[in-house]
Amino acid sequence: MKSNFPKIVKKFLKFLPKNDYPVLSTRRFVSCWLGFVLDQGLTSIRDLLNRLNIGGIKMDISTFSKASKTRDVQVFIDLF
């Protein structure tokens, strides 16, 4: 089951738009939240963003915070 998990996540993410918001797309936003929720090694969103920045994906905590406040939760409901 573990080896299939990345394929399952990619299957759900491929239907999300890549460029619907100029700074943080819905796909990237949902991907970040899934990464945070499913990675037991992360204790805060700041840890997640530090990991992304080290990996070459530049993301600011204020951008992520604003997106979390304004995005519709329906995309998460539709995943399940």
Protein backbone atom coordinates (compact mmCIF):
# COMPACT_ATOMS: atom_id res chain seq x y z
CA MET A 1 0.00 0.00 0.00
CA LYS A 2 2.80 2.42 0.83
CA SER A 3 4.36 2.17 -2.60
CA ASN A 4 1.02 2.99 -4.25
CA PHE A 5 0.36 6.04 -2.10
CA PRO A 6 2.26 8.58 -4.25
CA LYS A 7 0.39 7.33 -7.31
CA ILE A 8 -2.93 7.75 -5.51
CA VAL A 9 -2.11 11.31 -4.48
CA LYS A 10 -0.93 12.23 -7.98
CA LYS A 11 -4.14 10.78 -9.39
CA PHE A 12 -6.20 13.22 -7.31
CA LEU A 13 -3.90 16.19 -7.86
CA LYS A 14 -3.80 15.90 -11.64
CA PHE A 15 -7.37 17.17 -11.92
CA LEU A 16 -6.67 20.35 -9.96
CA PRO A 17 -5.88 23.55 -11.87
CA LYS A 18 -2.22 24.54 -12.19
CA ASN A 19 -2.61 28.25 -12.87
CA ASP A 20 -5.90 29.43 -11.40
CA TYR A 21 -4.25 31.80 -8.91
CA PRO A 22 -1.22 33.93 -9.84
CA VAL A 23 0.93 33.22 -6.78
CA LEU A 24 -0.19 29.88 -5.34
CA SER A 25 -2.19 27.52 -7.56
CA THR A 26 -4.86 25.25 -6.16
CA ARG A 27 -2.75 22.22 -7.02
CA ARG A 28 0.27 23.51 -5.10
CA PHE A 29 -1.93 24.63 -2.19
CA VAL A 30 -3.64 21.24 -1.81
CA SER A 31 -0.34 19.44 -2.30
CA CYS A 32 1.20 21.45 0.55
CA TRP A 33 -1.68 20.70 2.88
CA LEU A 34 -1.59 17.00 2.04
CA GLY A 35 2.15 16.96 2.63
CA PHE A 36 1.73 18.63 5.99
CA VAL A 37 -1.09 16.36 7.12
CA LEU A 38 0.53 13.12 6.00
CA ASP A 39 4.17 13.71 6.98
CA GLN A 40 4.61 12.85 10.65
CA GLY A 41 8.03 14.51 10.68
CA LEU A 42 6.50 17.96 10.23
CA THR A 43 5.29 19.76 13.34
CA SER A 44 4.29 23.10 11.84
CA ILE A 45 3.51 24.79 8.55
CA ARG A 46 6.76 26.69 8.99
CA ASP A 47 8.61 23.33 8.93
CA LEU A 48 6.82 22.42 5.71
CA LEU A 49 7.67 25.73 4.07
CA ASN A 50 11.32 25.45 5.15
CA ARG A 51 11.47 21.99 3.58
CA LEU A 52 9.92 23.29 0.36
CA ASN A 53 12.31 26.25 0.21
CA ILE A 54 15.31 23.97 0.74
CA GLY A 55 13.96 21.75 -2.06
CA GLY A 56 13.88 24.69 -4.45
CA ILE A 57 10.17 25.55 -4.23
CA LYS A 58 10.02 29.15 -3.06
CA MET A 59 7.00 29.80 -0.90
CA ASP A 60 6.36 32.51 1.66
CA ILE A 61 4.44 31.85 4.87
CA SER A 62 2.30 34.97 4.40
CA THR A 63 1.24 33.78 0.93
CA PHE A 64 0.29 30.39 2.30
CA SER A 65 -1.54 31.97 5.24
CA LYS A 66 -3.55 34.30 3.00
CA ALA A 67 -4.45 31.42 0.71
CA SER A 68 -5.58 29.33 3.69
CA LYS A 69 -7.93 32.10 4.79
CA THR A 70 -9.49 32.79 1.40
CA ARG A 71 -9.65 29.43 -0.41
CA ASP A 72 -12.83 27.44 -0.61
CA VAL A 73 -12.74 24.14 1.32
CA GLN A 74 -14.79 22.42 -1.39
CA VAL A 75 -11.63 21.21 -3.13
CA PHE A 76 -10.73 19.18 -0.03
CA ILE A 77 -14.26 17.84 0.30
CA ASP A 78 -14.18 16.74 -3.34
CA LEU A 79 -10.98 14.76 -2.75
CA PHE A 80 -12.83 12.47 -0.39
